[in-house]
Amino acid sequence: MLGSYKEFFEGRDYKVLEMSEPATEVVHFGDWAAIRGTGKEITESKDEQRSTKTYKWMILSQKQDDGSWKMKWDIFNFDNPLK
């Protein structure tokens, strides 16, 4: 998974001017936790065109034997259709 994120960020043809992803809810149940929130991203293309996208996200994590948490899945959905 880390490799796919690295490839995405190194290969993009725009710059991210602002990004925020505040968590709005954390539900903990034993060795599992679900976290959900919203996001906002402002980007600028090479020809200086700006765009703003908003989205919702959710992560499911599992507690490991060493006490750390490991993300099992991460999903997000944009609020508006992509053009």
C-alpha atoms as a PDB file:
ATOM      1  CA  MET A   1       0.000   0.000   0.000  1.00  0.00           C
ATOM      2  CA  LEU A   2       2.804   2.438   0.848  1.00  0.00           C
ATOM      3  CA  GLY A   3       4.328   1.842  -2.583  1.00  0.00           C
ATOM      4  CA  SER A   4       1.105   2.819  -4.364  1.00  0.00           C
ATOM      5  CA  TYR A   5       0.877   6.072  -2.355  1.00  0.00           C
ATOM      6  CA  LYS A   6       4.524   6.876  -3.086  1.00  0.00           C
ATOM      7  CA  GLU A   7       4.003   6.245  -6.808  1.00  0.00           C
ATOM      8  CA  PHE A   8       0.875   8.442  -6.823  1.00  0.00           C
ATOM      9  CA  PHE A   9       2.497  11.405  -5.071  1.00  0.00           C
ATOM     10  CA  GLU A  10       5.700  11.254  -7.117  1.00  0.00           C
ATOM     11  CA  GLY A  11       3.807  10.992 -10.422  1.00  0.00           C
ATOM     12  CA  ARG A  12       1.148  13.680 -10.047  1.00  0.00           C
ATOM     13  CA  ASP A  13       1.206  16.674 -12.389  1.00  0.00           C
ATOM     14  CA  TYR A  14      -0.268  19.219  -9.957  1.00  0.00           C
ATOM     15  CA  LYS A  15       0.649  20.655  -6.588  1.00  0.00           C
ATOM     16  CA  VAL A  16      -1.396  20.477  -3.413  1.00  0.00           C
ATOM     17  CA  LEU A  17      -1.843  23.931  -1.915  1.00  0.00           C
ATOM     18  CA  GLU A  18      -3.964  22.915   1.056  1.00  0.00           C
ATOM     19  CA  MET A  19      -5.224  19.667   2.531  1.00  0.00           C
ATOM     20  CA  SER A  20      -7.167  18.976   5.705  1.00  0.00           C
ATOM     21  CA  GLU A  21      -8.743  15.745   6.955  1.00  0.00           C
ATOM     22  CA  PRO A  22     -10.221  16.245  10.423  1.00  0.00           C
ATOM     23  CA  ALA A  23     -11.651  13.188  12.185  1.00  0.00           C
ATOM     24  CA  THR A  24     -15.278  13.663  13.192  1.00  0.00           C
ATOM     25  CA  GLU A  25     -15.862  10.366  14.986  1.00  0.00           C
ATOM     26  CA  VAL A  26     -13.870   7.495  16.483  1.00  0.00           C
ATOM     27  CA  VAL A  27     -15.682   4.306  17.496  1.00  0.00           C
ATOM     28  CA  HIS A  28     -13.591   1.857  19.538  1.00  0.00           C
ATOM     29  CA  PHE A  29     -14.729  -1.734  20.048  1.00  0.00           C
ATOM     30  CA  GLY A  30     -12.150  -4.030  21.623  1.00  0.00           C
ATOM     31  CA  ASP A  31      -9.186  -4.525  19.310  1.00  0.00           C
ATOM     32  CA  TRP A  32     -10.904  -2.635  16.488  1.00  0.00           C
ATOM     33  CA  ALA A  33     -11.532   1.044  15.811  1.00  0.00           C
ATOM     34  CA  ALA A  34     -13.424   2.850  13.062  1.00  0.00           C
ATOM     35  CA  ILE A  35     -12.522   6.468  12.378  1.00  0.00           C
ATOM     36  CA  ARG A  36     -14.448   8.711  10.033  1.00  0.00           C
ATOM     37  CA  GLY A  37     -14.054  12.268   8.900  1.00  0.00           C
ATOM     38  CA  THR A  38     -14.178  14.778   6.100  1.00  0.00           C
ATOM     39  CA  GLY A  39     -11.553  16.180   3.805  1.00  0.00           C
ATOM     40  CA  LYS A  40     -10.775  19.199   1.683  1.00  0.00           C
ATOM     41  CA  GLU A  41      -8.064  19.506  -0.942  1.00  0.00           C
ATOM     42  CA  ILE A  42      -7.109  22.583  -2.947  1.00  0.00           C
ATOM     43  CA  THR A  43      -4.824  21.880  -5.898  1.00  0.00           C
ATOM     44  CA  GLU A  44      -3.201  23.893  -8.662  1.00  0.00           C
ATOM     45  CA  SER A  45      -2.376  22.563 -12.132  1.00  0.00           C
ATOM     46  CA  LYS A  46       0.751  23.407 -14.110  1.00  0.00           C
ATOM     47  CA  ASP A  47      -1.205  26.165 -15.895  1.00  0.00           C
ATOM     48  CA  GLU A  48      -2.178  27.625 -12.476  1.00  0.00           C
ATOM     49  CA  GLN A  49      -5.822  26.500 -12.527  1.00  0.00           C
ATOM     50  CA  ARG A  50      -7.066  25.905  -8.975  1.00  0.00           C
ATOM     51  CA  SER A  51      -9.657  23.356  -7.944  1.00  0.00           C
ATOM     52  CA  THR A  52     -11.225  22.423  -4.621  1.00  0.00           C
ATOM     53  CA  LYS A  53     -12.489  18.942  -3.794  1.00  0.00           C
ATOM     54  CA  THR A  54     -14.318  17.867  -0.658  1.00  0.00           C
ATOM     55  CA  TYR A  55     -14.820  14.299   0.454  1.00  0.00           C
ATOM     56  CA  LYS A  56     -15.666  11.934   3.287  1.00  0.00           C
ATOM     57  CA  TRP A  57     -13.370   9.146   4.525  1.00  0.00           C
ATOM     58  CA  MET A  58     -13.401   6.148   6.859  1.00  0.00           C
ATOM     59  CA  ILE A  59     -10.629   3.928   8.229  1.00  0.00           C
ATOM     60  CA  LEU A  60     -10.868   0.575  10.008  1.00  0.00           C
ATOM     61  CA  SER A  61      -7.879  -0.281  12.222  1.00  0.00           C
ATOM     62  CA  GLN A  62      -6.943  -3.318  14.307  1.00  0.00           C
ATOM     63  CA  LYS A  63      -4.835  -3.297  17.469  1.00  0.00           C
ATOM     64  CA  GLN A  64      -1.680  -5.404  17.152  1.00  0.00           C
ATOM     65  CA  ASP A  65      -0.085  -7.637  19.803  1.00  0.00           C
ATOM     66  CA  ASP A  66       2.615  -5.001  20.429  1.00  0.00           C
ATOM     67  CA  GLY A  67      -0.031  -2.337  21.197  1.00  0.00           C
ATOM     68  CA  SER A  68       0.283  -0.490  17.875  1.00  0.00           C
ATOM     69  CA  TRP A  69      -2.623  -0.050  15.468  1.00  0.00           C
ATOM     70  CA  LYS A  70      -2.644  -1.262  11.853  1.00  0.00           C
ATOM     71  CA  MET A  71      -4.980   0.127   9.210  1.00  0.00           C
ATOM     72  CA  LYS A  72      -7.001  -2.672   7.615  1.00  0.00           C
ATOM     73  CA  TRP A  73      -8.788  -0.509   5.058  1.00  0.00           C
ATOM     74  CA  ASP A  74      -9.160   3.120   4.085  1.00  0.00           C
ATOM     75  CA  ILE A  75     -11.955   4.436   1.877  1.00  0.00           C
ATOM     76  CA  PHE A  76     -12.994   7.872   0.681  1.00  0.00           C
ATOM     77  CA  ASN A  77     -15.682   9.286  -1.591  1.00  0.00           C
ATOM     78  CA  PHE A  78     -15.678  12.684  -3.271  1.00  0.00           C
ATOM     79  CA  ASP A  79     -18.772  14.814  -2.642  1.00  0.00           C
ATOM     80  CA  ASN A  80     -19.066  15.868  -6.309  1.00  0.00           C
ATOM     81  CA  PRO A  81     -18.530  13.793  -9.446  1.00  0.00           C
ATOM     82  CA  LEU A  82     -15.065  14.110 -10.945  1.00  0.00           C
ATOM     83  CA  LYS A  83     -14.888  15.802 -14.321  1.00  0.00           C
END
